[in-house]
Amino acid sequence: MDALLPIVNIISWTFLATGAVFLLIGGIGLLRLPDFYARTHAAGIIDTLGTGLILLGLMMQEEIGLNTFKLILIGFFLFFTSPTSSYAVAHAAWVAGQKPWTNTESGKNNTKEDGDT
């Protein structure tokens, strides 16, 4: 088992680093995306994928036991609740009248015409 430990560590740290990169890119995307719905989509993706990869990396670091079982339960919980909550928030915004962003709402409509002062 000791011969496989370096390989398991490399794979585990790869999952941890990849999950961290997804969370970082998703966080930047939350700041740069144009509207509420795109941001909600990005939050759901990074929550499910980034956190799932980090949990997988942590499971590989831990020996089989109670902690691994707890990490699996957390992963299942996040896998099902994150997309559901993202949908619920987006649907509530739609019902409340929040309109999606379109290209007609970009700077083209906010620019002055030649005759305007």
PDB file of N, CA and C in Angstrom:
ATOM      1  N   MET A   1       0.822  -1.194   0.000  1.00  0.00           N
ATOM      2  CA  MET A   1       0.000   0.000   0.000  1.00  0.00           C
ATOM      3  C   MET A   1       0.862   1.252   0.000  1.00  0.00           C
ATOM      4  N   ASP A   2       2.030   1.188   0.600  1.00  0.00           N
ATOM      5  CA  ASP A   2       2.903   2.354   0.651  1.00  0.00           C
ATOM      6  C   ASP A   2       3.426   2.745  -0.725  1.00  0.00           C
ATOM      7  N   ALA A   3       3.493   1.784  -1.642  1.00  0.00           N
ATOM      8  CA  ALA A   3       3.977   2.090  -2.986  1.00  0.00           C
ATOM      9  C   ALA A   3       2.962   2.933  -3.755  1.00  0.00           C
ATOM     10  N   LEU A   4       1.679   2.799  -3.443  1.00  0.00           N
ATOM     11  CA  LEU A   4       0.639   3.560  -4.137  1.00  0.00           C
ATOM     12  C   LEU A   4       0.397   4.933  -3.526  1.00  0.00           C
ATOM     13  N   LEU A   5       0.932   5.203  -2.353  1.00  0.00           N
ATOM     14  CA  LEU A   5       0.672   6.461  -1.664  1.00  0.00           C
ATOM     15  C   LEU A   5       1.092   7.692  -2.467  1.00  0.00           C
ATOM     16  N   PRO A   6       2.254   7.717  -3.105  1.00  0.00           N
ATOM     17  CA  PRO A   6       2.592   8.912  -3.908  1.00  0.00           C
ATOM     18  C   PRO A   6       1.641   9.118  -5.091  1.00  0.00           C
ATOM     19  N   ILE A   7       1.198   8.047  -5.702  1.00  0.00           N
ATOM     20  CA  ILE A   7       0.275   8.166  -6.839  1.00  0.00           C
ATOM     21  C   ILE A   7      -1.072   8.689  -6.353  1.00  0.00           C
ATOM     22  N   VAL A   8      -1.566   8.163  -5.235  1.00  0.00           N
ATOM     23  CA  VAL A   8      -2.831   8.618  -4.672  1.00  0.00           C
ATOM     24  C   VAL A   8      -2.732  10.091  -4.276  1.00  0.00           C
ATOM     25  N   ASN A   9      -1.596  10.500  -3.715  1.00  0.00           N
ATOM     26  CA  ASN A   9      -1.406  11.900  -3.339  1.00  0.00           C
ATOM     27  C   ASN A   9      -1.418  12.811  -4.562  1.00  0.00           C
ATOM     28  N   ILE A  10      -0.784  12.394  -5.629  1.00  0.00           N
ATOM     29  CA  ILE A  10      -0.757  13.212  -6.854  1.00  0.00           C
ATOM     30  C   ILE A  10      -2.166  13.352  -7.422  1.00  0.00           C
ATOM     31  N   ILE A  11      -2.898  12.240  -7.489  1.00  0.00           N
ATOM     32  CA  ILE A  11      -4.262  12.292  -8.013  1.00  0.00           C
ATOM     33  C   ILE A  11      -5.154  13.142  -7.098  1.00  0.00           C
ATOM     34  N   SER A  12      -4.999  12.959  -5.802  1.00  0.00           N
ATOM     35  CA  SER A  12      -5.799  13.720  -4.848  1.00  0.00           C
ATOM     36  C   SER A  12      -5.534  15.217  -4.960  1.00  0.00           C
ATOM     37  N   TRP A  13      -4.272  15.607  -5.006  1.00  0.00           N
ATOM     38  CA  TRP A  13      -3.940  17.031  -5.123  1.00  0.00           C
ATOM     39  C   TRP A  13      -4.347  17.595  -6.477  1.00  0.00           C
ATOM     40  N   THR A  14      -4.385  16.750  -7.495  1.00  0.00           N
ATOM     41  CA  THR A  14      -4.885  17.200  -8.795  1.00  0.00           C
ATOM     42  C   THR A  14      -6.371  17.532  -8.699  1.00  0.00           C
ATOM     43  N   PHE A  15      -7.142  16.678  -8.022  1.00  0.00           N
ATOM     44  CA  PHE A  15      -8.562  16.969  -7.816  1.00  0.00           C
ATOM     45  C   PHE A  15      -8.750  18.235  -6.989  1.00  0.00           C
ATOM     46  N   LEU A  16      -7.962  18.381  -5.929  1.00  0.00           N
ATOM     47  CA  LEU A  16      -8.072  19.563  -5.077  1.00  0.00           C
ATOM     48  C   LEU A  16      -7.737  20.840  -5.851  1.00  0.00           C
ATOM     49  N   ALA A  17      -6.669  20.813  -6.623  1.00  0.00           N
ATOM     50  CA  ALA A  17      -6.264  21.995  -7.390  1.00  0.00           C
ATOM     51  C   ALA A  17      -7.262  22.307  -8.497  1.00  0.00           C
ATOM     52  N   THR A  18      -7.756  21.275  -9.176  1.00  0.00           N
ATOM     53  CA  THR A  18      -8.734  21.503 -10.233  1.00  0.00           C
ATOM     54  C   THR A  18     -10.025  22.092  -9.657  1.00  0.00           C
ATOM     55  N   GLY A  19     -10.462  21.579  -8.524  1.00  0.00           N
ATOM     56  CA  GLY A  19     -11.644  22.138  -7.867  1.00  0.00           C
ATOM     57  C   GLY A  19     -11.436  23.586  -7.459  1.00  0.00           C
ATOM     58  N   ALA A  20     -10.247  23.900  -6.950  1.00  0.00           N
ATOM     59  CA  ALA A  20      -9.957  25.284  -6.569  1.00  0.00           C
ATOM     60  C   ALA A  20      -9.940  26.201  -7.790  1.00  0.00           C
ATOM     61  N   VAL A  21      -9.405  25.712  -8.904  1.00  0.00           N
ATOM     62  CA  VAL A  21      -9.375  26.520 -10.132  1.00  0.00           C
ATOM     63  C   VAL A  21     -10.801  26.763 -10.629  1.00  0.00           C
ATOM     64  N   PHE A  22     -11.649  25.736 -10.595  1.00  0.00           N
ATOM     65  CA  PHE A  22     -13.041  25.920 -11.006  1.00  0.00           C
ATOM     66  C   PHE A  22     -13.743  26.933 -10.114  1.00  0.00           C
ATOM     67  N   LEU A  23     -13.505  26.869  -8.808  1.00  0.00           N
ATOM     68  CA  LEU A  23     -14.130  27.830  -7.903  1.00  0.00           C
ATOM     69  C   LEU A  23     -13.622  29.243  -8.157  1.00  0.00           C
ATOM     70  N   LEU A  24     -12.332  29.385  -8.446  1.00  0.00           N
ATOM     71  CA  LEU A  24     -11.765  30.699  -8.730  1.00  0.00           C
ATOM     72  C   LEU A  24     -12.330  31.277 -10.029  1.00  0.00           C
ATOM     73  N   ILE A  25     -12.360  30.474 -11.075  1.00  0.00           N
ATOM     74  CA  ILE A  25     -12.911  30.935 -12.353  1.00  0.00           C
ATOM     75  C   ILE A  25     -14.389  31.259 -12.202  1.00  0.00           C
ATOM     76  N   GLY A  26     -15.107  30.448 -11.467  1.00  0.00           N
ATOM     77  CA  GLY A  26     -16.522  30.717 -11.240  1.00  0.00           C
ATOM     78  C   GLY A  26     -16.741  31.986 -10.435  1.00  0.00           C
ATOM     79  N   GLY A  27     -15.893  32.244  -9.462  1.00  0.00           N
ATOM     80  CA  GLY A  27     -15.996  33.482  -8.698  1.00  0.00           C
ATOM     81  C   GLY A  27     -15.757  34.703  -9.564  1.00  0.00           C
ATOM     82  N   ILE A  28     -14.795  34.611 -10.460  1.00  0.00           N
ATOM     83  CA  ILE A  28     -14.547  35.709 -11.406  1.00  0.00           C
ATOM     84  C   ILE A  28     -15.749  35.859 -12.339  1.00  0.00           C
ATOM     85  N   GLY A  29     -16.312  34.736 -12.763  1.00  0.00           N
ATOM     86  CA  GLY A  29     -17.480  34.775 -13.623  1.00  0.00           C
ATOM     87  C   GLY A  29     -18.678  35.427 -12.938  1.00  0.00           C
ATOM     88  N   LEU A  30     -18.822  35.214 -11.635  1.00  0.00           N
ATOM     89  CA  LEU A  30     -19.919  35.853 -10.908  1.00  0.00           C
ATOM     90  C   LEU A  30     -19.801  37.368 -10.945  1.00  0.00           C
ATOM     91  N   LEU A  31     -18.584  37.861 -10.969  1.00  0.00           N
ATOM     92  CA  LEU A  31     -18.379  39.310 -11.023  1.00  0.00           C
ATOM     93  C   LEU A  31     -18.557  39.866 -12.428  1.00  0.00           C
ATOM     94  N   ARG A  32     -18.261  39.078 -13.449  1.00  0.00           N
ATOM     95  CA  ARG A  32     -18.220  39.591 -14.819  1.00  0.00           C
ATOM     96  C   ARG A  32     -19.463  39.301 -15.658  1.00  0.00           C
ATOM     97  N   LEU A  33     -20.276  38.354 -15.261  1.00  0.00           N
ATOM     98  CA  LEU A  33     -21.441  38.003 -16.076  1.00  0.00           C
ATOM     99  C   LEU A  33     -22.484  39.120 -16.027  1.00  0.00           C
ATOM    100  N   PRO A  34     -23.271  39.267 -17.104  1.00  0.00           N
ATOM    101  CA  PRO A  34     -24.086  40.471 -17.250  1.00  0.00           C
ATOM    102  C   PRO A  34     -25.373  40.524 -16.431  1.00  0.00           C
ATOM    103  N   ASP A  35     -25.990  39.398 -16.105  1.00  0.00           N
ATOM    104  CA  ASP A  35     -27.282  39.497 -15.429  1.00  0.00           C
ATOM    105  C   ASP A  35     -27.433  38.429 -14.358  1.00  0.00           C
ATOM    106  N   PHE A  36     -28.555  38.522 -13.683  1.00  0.00           N
ATOM    107  CA  PHE A  36     -28.843  37.650 -12.555  1.00  0.00           C
ATOM    108  C   PHE A  36     -28.881  36.176 -12.941  1.00  0.00           C
ATOM    109  N   TYR A  37     -29.496  35.873 -14.077  1.00  0.00           N
ATOM    110  CA  TYR A  37     -29.660  34.471 -14.474  1.00  0.00           C
ATOM    111  C   TYR A  37     -28.325  33.819 -14.836  1.00  0.00           C
ATOM    112  N   ALA A  38     -27.466  34.543 -15.507  1.00  0.00           N
ATOM    113  CA  ALA A  38     -26.145  34.005 -15.836  1.00  0.00           C
ATOM    114  C   ALA A  38     -25.326  33.803 -14.563  1.00  0.00           C
ATOM    115  N   ARG A  39     -25.444  34.720 -13.637  1.00  0.00           N
ATOM    116  CA  ARG A  39     -24.720  34.580 -12.366  1.00  0.00           C
ATOM    117  C   ARG A  39     -25.253  33.411 -11.551  1.00  0.00           C
ATOM    118  N   THR A  40     -26.562  33.222 -11.569  1.00  0.00           N
ATOM    119  CA  THR A  40     -27.148  32.081 -10.861  1.00  0.00           C
ATOM    120  C   THR A  40     -26.675  30.763 -11.475  1.00  0.00           C
ATOM    121  N   HIS A  41     -26.606  30.723 -12.788  1.00  0.00           N
ATOM    122  CA  HIS A  41     -26.119  29.525 -13.468  1.00  0.00           C
ATOM    123  C   HIS A  41     -24.664  29.250 -13.095  1.00  0.00           C
ATOM    124  N   ALA A  42     -23.843  30.282 -13.100  1.00  0.00           N
ATOM    125  CA  ALA A  42     -22.430  30.108 -12.748  1.00  0.00           C
ATOM    126  C   ALA A  42     -22.278  29.654 -11.299  1.00  0.00           C
ATOM    127  N   ALA A  43     -23.083  30.213 -10.408  1.00  0.00           N
ATOM    128  CA  ALA A  43     -22.993  29.810  -9.006  1.00  0.00           C
ATOM    129  C   ALA A  43     -23.371  28.343  -8.824  1.00  0.00           C
ATOM    130  N   GLY A  44     -24.384  27.891  -9.544  1.00  0.00           N
ATOM    131  CA  GLY A  44     -24.781  26.487  -9.455  1.00  0.00           C
ATOM    132  C   GLY A  44     -23.725  25.545  -9.999  1.00  0.00           C
ATOM    133  N   ILE A  45     -23.086  25.954 -11.088  1.00  0.00           N
ATOM    134  CA  ILE A  45     -22.045  25.114 -11.692  1.00  0.00           C
ATOM    135  C   ILE A  45     -20.832  25.009 -10.771  1.00  0.00           C
ATOM    136  N   ILE A  46     -20.350  26.153 -10.283  1.00  0.00           N
ATOM    137  CA  ILE A  46     -19.132  26.093  -9.463  1.00  0.00           C
ATOM    138  C   ILE A  46     -19.410  25.424  -8.130  1.00  0.00           C
ATOM    139  N   ASP A  47     -20.617  25.584  -7.625  1.00  0.00           N
ATOM    140  CA  ASP A  47     -20.938  24.939  -6.363  1.00  0.00           C
ATOM    141  C   ASP A  47     -20.937  23.426  -6.521  1.00  0.00           C
ATOM    142  N   THR A  48     -21.503  22.935  -7.600  1.00  0.00           N
ATOM    143  CA  THR A  48     -21.587  21.493  -7.798  1.00  0.00           C
ATOM    144  C   THR A  48     -20.253  20.904  -8.245  1.00  0.00           C
ATOM    145  N   LEU A  49     -19.655  21.482  -9.287  1.00  0.00           N
ATOM    146  CA  LEU A  49     -18.443  20.893  -9.862  1.00  0.00           C
ATOM    147  C   LEU A  49     -17.204  21.167  -9.010  1.00  0.00           C
ATOM    148  N   GLY A  50     -16.977  22.409  -8.648  1.00  0.00           N
ATOM    149  CA  GLY A  50     -15.778  22.753  -7.886  1.00  0.00           C
ATOM    150  C   GLY A  50     -15.752  22.092  -6.519  1.00  0.00           C
ATOM    151  N   THR A  51     -16.877  22.164  -5.818  1.00  0.00           N
ATOM    152  CA  THR A  51     -16.937  21.550  -4.496  1.00  0.00           C
ATOM    153  C   THR A  51     -16.876  20.031  -4.592  1.00  0.00           C
ATOM    154  N   GLY A  52     -17.496  19.474  -5.635  1.00  0.00           N
ATOM    155  CA  GLY A  52     -17.432  18.027  -5.823  1.00  0.00           C
ATOM    156  C   GLY A  52     -16.017  17.524  -6.047  1.00  0.00           C
ATOM    157  N   LEU A  53     -15.236  18.265  -6.843  1.00  0.00           N
ATOM    158  CA  LEU A  53     -13.842  17.869  -7.062  1.00  0.00           C
ATOM    159  C   LEU A  53     -13.017  17.990  -5.788  1.00  0.00           C
ATOM    160  N   ILE A  54     -13.267  19.033  -5.020  1.00  0.00           N
ATOM    161  CA  ILE A  54     -12.541  19.182  -3.754  1.00  0.00           C
ATOM    162  C   ILE A  54     -12.910  18.066  -2.790  1.00  0.00           C
ATOM    163  N   LEU A  55     -14.188  17.725  -2.715  1.00  0.00           N
ATOM    164  CA  LEU A  55     -14.590  16.613  -1.849  1.00  0.00           C
ATOM    165  C   LEU A  55     -13.981  15.289  -2.304  1.00  0.00           C
ATOM    166  N   LEU A  56     -13.897  15.089  -3.607  1.00  0.00           N
ATOM    167  CA  LEU A  56     -13.276  13.870  -4.120  1.00  0.00           C
ATOM    168  C   LEU A  56     -11.792  13.808  -3.744  1.00  0.00           C
ATOM    169  N   GLY A  57     -11.110  14.933  -3.847  1.00  0.00           N
ATOM    170  CA  GLY A  57      -9.712  14.989  -3.433  1.00  0.00           C
ATOM    171  C   GLY A  57      -9.537  14.726  -1.945  1.00  0.00           C
ATOM    172  N   LEU A  58     -10.448  15.255  -1.132  1.00  0.00           N
ATOM    173  CA  LEU A  58     -10.376  15.005   0.311  1.00  0.00           C
ATOM    174  C   LEU A  58     -10.664  13.550   0.646  1.00  0.00           C
ATOM    175  N   MET A  59     -11.584  12.931  -0.107  1.00  0.00           N
ATOM    176  CA  MET A  59     -11.878  11.513   0.121  1.00  0.00           C
ATOM    177  C   MET A  59     -10.656  10.642  -0.164  1.00  0.00           C
ATOM    178  N   MET A  60      -9.888  11.034  -1.171  1.00  0.00           N
ATOM    179  CA  MET A  60      -8.701  10.247  -1.504  1.00  0.00           C
ATOM    180  C   MET A  60      -7.600  10.434  -0.461  1.00  0.00           C
ATOM    181  N   GLN A  61      -7.575  11.575   0.211  1.00  0.00           N
ATOM    182  CA  GLN A  61      -6.589  11.805   1.260  1.00  0.00           C
ATOM    183  C   GLN A  61      -6.922  11.031   2.536  1.00  0.00           C
ATOM    184  N   GLU A  62      -8.193  10.788   2.748  1.00  0.00           N
ATOM    185  CA  GLU A  62      -8.656  10.133   3.965  1.00  0.00           C
ATOM    186  C   GLU A  62      -8.721   8.621   3.758  1.00  0.00           C
ATOM    187  N   GLU A  63      -8.419   7.884   4.806  1.00  0.00           N
ATOM    188  CA  GLU A  63      -8.582   6.437   4.737  1.00  0.00           C
ATOM    189  C   GLU A  63     -10.074   6.101   4.747  1.00  0.00           C
ATOM    190  N   ILE A  64     -10.399   4.894   4.282  1.00  0.00           N
ATOM    191  CA  ILE A  64     -11.796   4.464   4.268  1.00  0.00           C
ATOM    192  C   ILE A  64     -12.269   4.398   5.717  1.00  0.00           C
ATOM    193  N   GLY A  65     -13.346   5.113   5.997  1.00  0.00           N
ATOM    194  CA  GLY A  65     -13.865   5.140   7.358  1.00  0.00           C
ATOM    195  C   GLY A  65     -15.020   6.110   7.467  1.00  0.00           C
ATOM    196  N   LEU A  66     -15.263   6.566   8.671  1.00  0.00           N
ATOM    197  CA  LEU A  66     -16.393   7.433   8.940  1.00  0.00           C
ATOM    198  C   LEU A  66     -16.258   8.784   8.237  1.00  0.00           C
ATOM    199  N   ASN A  67     -15.056   9.347   8.214  1.00  0.00           N
ATOM    200  CA  ASN A  67     -14.867  10.643   7.563  1.00  0.00           C
ATOM    201  C   ASN A  67     -15.134  10.569   6.055  1.00  0.00           C
ATOM    202  N   THR A  68     -14.712   9.488   5.439  1.00  0.00           N
ATOM    203  CA  THR A  68     -14.986   9.315   4.013  1.00  0.00           C
ATOM    204  C   THR A  68     -16.487   9.196   3.769  1.00  0.00           C
ATOM    205  N   PHE A  69     -17.166   8.466   4.633  1.00  0.00           N
ATOM    206  CA  PHE A  69     -18.610   8.336   4.510  1.00  0.00           C
ATOM    207  C   PHE A  69     -19.297   9.692   4.661  1.00  0.00           C
ATOM    208  N   LYS A  70     -18.826  10.509   5.594  1.00  0.00           N
ATOM    209  CA  LYS A  70     -19.385  11.851   5.774  1.00  0.00           C
ATOM    210  C   LYS A  70     -19.148  12.713   4.538  1.00  0.00           C
ATOM    211  N   LEU A  71     -17.983  12.624   3.946  1.00  0.00           N
ATOM    212  CA  LEU A  71     -17.688  13.392   2.729  1.00  0.00           C
ATOM    213  C   LEU A  71     -18.579  12.950   1.567  1.00  0.00           C
ATOM    214  N   ILE A  72     -18.851  11.649   1.476  1.00  0.00           N
ATOM    215  CA  ILE A  72     -19.753  11.139   0.440  1.00  0.00           C
ATOM    216  C   ILE A  72     -21.162  11.683   0.653  1.00  0.00           C
ATOM    217  N   LEU A  73     -21.625  11.704   1.902  1.00  0.00           N
ATOM    218  CA  LEU A  73     -22.951  12.254   2.193  1.00  0.00           C
ATOM    219  C   LEU A  73     -23.027  13.742   1.851  1.00  0.00           C
ATOM    220  N   ILE A  74     -21.979  14.493   2.170  1.00  0.00           N
ATOM    221  CA  ILE A  74     -21.939  15.913   1.819  1.00  0.00           C
ATOM    222  C   ILE A  74     -21.986  16.075   0.307  1.00  0.00           C
ATOM    223  N   GLY A  75     -21.237  15.236  -0.412  1.00  0.00           N
ATOM    224  CA  GLY A  75     -21.237  15.298  -1.867  1.00  0.00           C
ATOM    225  C   GLY A  75     -22.603  15.024  -2.463  1.00  0.00           C
ATOM    226  N   PHE A  76     -23.300  13.982  -1.974  1.00  0.00           N
ATOM    227  CA  PHE A  76     -24.648  13.690  -2.460  1.00  0.00           C
ATOM    228  C   PHE A  76     -25.608  14.835  -2.150  1.00  0.00           C
ATOM    229  N   PHE A  77     -25.496  15.385  -0.945  1.00  0.00           N
ATOM    230  CA  PHE A  77     -26.354  16.497  -0.563  1.00  0.00           C
ATOM    231  C   PHE A  77     -26.146  17.685  -1.500  1.00  0.00           C
ATOM    232  N   LEU A  78     -24.902  18.045  -1.760  1.00  0.00           N
ATOM    233  CA  LEU A  78     -24.618  19.171  -2.655  1.00  0.00           C
ATOM    234  C   LEU A  78     -25.030  18.876  -4.093  1.00  0.00           C
ATOM    235  N   PHE A  79     -24.833  17.642  -4.529  1.00  0.00           N
ATOM    236  CA  PHE A  79     -25.169  17.269  -5.895  1.00  0.00           C
ATOM    237  C   PHE A  79     -26.653  17.462  -6.190  1.00  0.00           C
ATOM    238  N   PHE A  80     -27.498  17.214  -5.202  1.00  0.00           N
ATOM    239  CA  PHE A  80     -28.933  17.342  -5.427  1.00  0.00           C
ATOM    240  C   PHE A  80     -29.487  18.705  -5.033  1.00  0.00           C
ATOM    241  N   THR A  81     -28.948  19.330  -3.998  1.00  0.00           N
ATOM    242  CA  THR A  81     -29.542  20.580  -3.517  1.00  0.00           C
ATOM    243  C   THR A  81     -29.060  21.806  -4.280  1.00  0.00           C
ATOM    244  N   SER A  82     -27.852  21.809  -4.784  1.00  0.00           N
ATOM    245  CA  SER A  82     -27.340  22.996  -5.470  1.00  0.00           C
ATOM    246  C   SER A  82     -28.108  23.309  -6.753  1.00  0.00           C
ATOM    247  N   PRO A  83     -28.298  22.353  -7.662  1.00  0.00           N
ATOM    248  CA  PRO A  83     -29.097  22.668  -8.850  1.00  0.00           C
ATOM    249  C   PRO A  83     -30.553  22.999  -8.512  1.00  0.00           C
ATOM    250  N   THR A  84     -31.095  22.337  -7.504  1.00  0.00           N
ATOM    251  CA  THR A  84     -32.477  22.599  -7.116  1.00  0.00           C
ATOM    252  C   THR A  84     -32.635  24.008  -6.564  1.00  0.00           C
ATOM    253  N   SER A  85     -31.709  24.415  -5.708  1.00  0.00           N
ATOM    254  CA  SER A  85     -31.803  25.761  -5.144  1.00  0.00           C
ATOM    255  C   SER A  85     -31.539  26.824  -6.208  1.00  0.00           C
ATOM    256  N   SER A  86     -30.627  26.570  -7.134  1.00  0.00           N
ATOM    257  CA  SER A  86     -30.388  27.528  -8.225  1.00  0.00           C
ATOM    258  C   SER A  86     -31.647  27.699  -9.068  1.00  0.00           C
ATOM    259  N   TYR A  87     -32.308  26.589  -9.363  1.00  0.00           N
ATOM    260  CA  TYR A  87     -33.557  26.669 -10.120  1.00  0.00           C
ATOM    261  C   TYR A  87     -34.625  27.431  -9.340  1.00  0.00           C
ATOM    262  N   ALA A  88     -34.745  27.157  -8.052  1.00  0.00           N
ATOM    263  CA  ALA A  88     -35.775  27.811  -7.247  1.00  0.00           C
ATOM    264  C   ALA A  88     -35.556  29.323  -7.183  1.00  0.00           C
ATOM    265  N   VAL A  89     -34.313  29.746  -7.033  1.00  0.00           N
ATOM    266  CA  VAL A  89     -34.011  31.176  -6.978  1.00  0.00           C
ATOM    267  C   VAL A  89     -34.278  31.828  -8.331  1.00  0.00           C
ATOM    268  N   ALA A  90     -33.864  31.172  -9.421  1.00  0.00           N
ATOM    269  CA  ALA A  90     -34.091  31.735 -10.758  1.00  0.00           C
ATOM    270  C   ALA A  90     -35.585  31.790 -11.079  1.00  0.00           C
ATOM    271  N   HIS A  91     -36.318  30.765 -10.694  1.00  0.00           N
ATOM    272  CA  HIS A  91     -37.758  30.760 -10.943  1.00  0.00           C
ATOM    273  C   HIS A  91     -38.459  31.853 -10.132  1.00  0.00           C
ATOM    274  N   ALA A  92     -38.034  32.049  -8.888  1.00  0.00           N
ATOM    275  CA  ALA A  92     -38.622  33.110  -8.068  1.00  0.00           C
ATOM    276  C   ALA A  92     -38.335  34.483  -8.675  1.00  0.00           C
ATOM    277  N   ALA A  93     -37.145  34.672  -9.226  1.00  0.00           N
ATOM    278  CA  ALA A  93     -36.820  35.942  -9.881  1.00  0.00           C
ATOM    279  C   ALA A  93     -37.676  36.134 -11.129  1.00  0.00           C
ATOM    280  N   TRP A  94     -37.901  35.059 -11.883  1.00  0.00           N
ATOM    281  CA  TRP A  94     -38.734  35.151 -13.090  1.00  0.00           C
ATOM    282  C   TRP A  94     -40.178  35.514 -12.722  1.00  0.00           C
ATOM    283  N   VAL A  95     -40.702  34.885 -11.687  1.00  0.00           N
ATOM    284  CA  VAL A  95     -42.066  35.162 -11.251  1.00  0.00           C
ATOM    285  C   VAL A  95     -42.182  36.606 -10.735  1.00  0.00           C
ATOM    286  N   ALA A  96     -41.122  37.096 -10.108  1.00  0.00           N
ATOM    287  CA  ALA A  96     -41.127  38.466  -9.587  1.00  0.00           C
ATOM    288  C   ALA A  96     -40.962  39.508 -10.686  1.00  0.00           C
ATOM    289  N   GLY A  97     -40.658  39.072 -11.911  1.00  0.00           N
ATOM    290  CA  GLY A  97     -40.573  40.007 -13.025  1.00  0.00           C
ATOM    291  C   GLY A  97     -39.174  40.370 -13.462  1.00  0.00           C
ATOM    292  N   GLN A  98     -38.176  39.679 -12.973  1.00  0.00           N
ATOM    293  CA  GLN A  98     -36.792  39.946 -13.394  1.00  0.00           C
ATOM    294  C   GLN A  98     -36.620  39.483 -14.841  1.00  0.00           C
ATOM    295  N   LYS A  99     -36.236  40.390 -15.716  1.00  0.00           N
ATOM    296  CA  LYS A  99     -36.061  40.065 -17.134  1.00  0.00           C
ATOM    297  C   LYS A  99     -34.623  39.663 -17.423  1.00  0.00           C
ATOM    298  N   PRO A 100     -34.416  38.694 -18.310  1.00  0.00           N
ATOM    299  CA  PRO A 100     -33.051  38.311 -18.696  1.00  0.00           C
ATOM    300  C   PRO A 100     -32.375  39.422 -19.505  1.00  0.00           C
ATOM    301  N   TRP A 101     -31.071  39.439 -19.460  1.00  0.00           N
ATOM    302  CA  TRP A 101     -30.271  40.399 -20.207  1.00  0.00           C
ATOM    303  C   TRP A 101     -30.306  40.030 -21.685  1.00  0.00           C
ATOM    304  N   THR A 102     -30.412  41.043 -22.544  1.00  0.00           N
ATOM    305  CA  THR A 102     -30.321  40.842 -23.987  1.00  0.00           C
ATOM    306  C   THR A 102     -29.354  41.867 -24.547  1.00  0.00           C
ATOM    307  N   ASN A 103     -28.928  41.675 -25.797  1.00  0.00           N
ATOM    308  CA  ASN A 103     -27.985  42.600 -26.419  1.00  0.00           C
ATOM    309  C   ASN A 103     -28.568  43.994 -26.593  1.00  0.00           C
ATOM    310  N   THR A 104     -29.873  44.121 -26.689  1.00  0.00           N
ATOM    311  CA  THR A 104     -30.470  45.441 -26.859  1.00  0.00           C
ATOM    312  C   THR A 104     -30.320  46.289 -25.609  1.00  0.00           C
ATOM    313  N   GLU A 105     -29.991  45.663 -24.481  1.00  0.00           N
ATOM    314  CA  GLU A 105     -29.794  46.407 -23.242  1.00  0.00           C
ATOM    315  C   GLU A 105     -28.347  46.828 -23.053  1.00  0.00           C
ATOM    316  N   SER A 106     -27.487  46.546 -24.027  1.00  0.00           N
ATOM    317  CA  SER A 106     -26.083  46.914 -23.895  1.00  0.00           C
ATOM    318  C   SER A 106     -25.911  48.409 -24.117  1.00  0.00           C
ATOM    319  N   GLY A 107     -24.715  48.867 -24.236  1.00  0.00           N
ATOM    320  CA  GLY A 107     -24.419  50.279 -24.375  1.00  0.00           C
ATOM    321  C   GLY A 107     -24.997  50.917 -25.611  1.00  0.00           C
ATOM    322  N   LYS A 108     -25.473  50.135 -26.571  1.00  0.00           N
ATOM    323  CA  LYS A 108     -26.034  50.690 -27.806  1.00  0.00           C
ATOM    324  C   LYS A 108     -27.243  51.580 -27.510  1.00  0.00           C
ATOM    325  N   ASN A 109     -28.078  51.190 -26.570  1.00  0.00           N
ATOM    326  CA  ASN A 109     -29.260  51.985 -26.252  1.00  0.00           C
ATOM    327  C   ASN A 109     -28.924  53.189 -25.378  1.00  0.00           C
ATOM    328  N   ASN A 110     -27.804  53.147 -24.715  1.00  0.00           N
ATOM    329  CA  ASN A 110     -27.446  54.219 -23.805  1.00  0.00           C
ATOM    330  C   ASN A 110     -26.617  55.309 -24.452  1.00  0.00           C
ATOM    331  N   THR A 111     -26.231  55.150 -25.709  1.00  0.00           N
ATOM    332  CA  THR A 111     -25.425  56.163 -26.364  1.00  0.00           C
ATOM    333  C   THR A 111     -26.303  57.266 -26.913  1.00  0.00           C
ATOM    334  N   LYS A 112     -25.763  58.447 -26.996  1.00  0.00           N
ATOM    335  CA  LYS A 112     -26.515  59.595 -27.509  1.00  0.00           C
ATOM    336  C   LYS A 112     -26.508  59.578 -29.024  1.00  0.00           C
ATOM    337  N   GLU A 113     -27.604  60.013 -29.589  1.00  0.00           N
ATOM    338  CA  GLU A 113     -27.699  60.173 -31.036  1.00  0.00           C
ATOM    339  C   GLU A 113     -26.968  61.446 -31.435  1.00  0.00           C
ATOM    340  N   ASP A 114     -26.772  61.637 -32.733  1.00  0.00           N
ATOM    341  CA  ASP A 114     -26.014  62.810 -33.217  1.00  0.00           C
ATOM    342  C   ASP A 114     -26.660  64.129 -32.804  1.00  0.00           C
ATOM    343  N   GLY A 115     -27.988  64.206 -32.782  1.00  0.00           N
ATOM    344  CA  GLY A 115     -28.659  65.453 -32.473  1.00  0.00           C
ATOM    345  C   GLY A 115     -28.891  65.676 -30.995  1.00  0.00           C
ATOM    346  N   ASP A 116     -28.642  64.648 -30.157  1.00  0.00           N
ATOM    347  CA  ASP A 116     -28.903  64.780 -28.710  1.00  0.00           C
ATOM    348  C   ASP A 116     -27.791  65.569 -28.035  1.00  0.00           C
ATOM    349  N   THR A 117     -28.152  66.248 -26.967  1.00  0.00           N
ATOM    350  CA  THR A 117     -27.148  66.990 -26.189  1.00  0.00           C
ATOM    351  C   THR A 117     -27.021  66.436 -24.813  1.00  0.00           C
TER     352      THR A 117
END
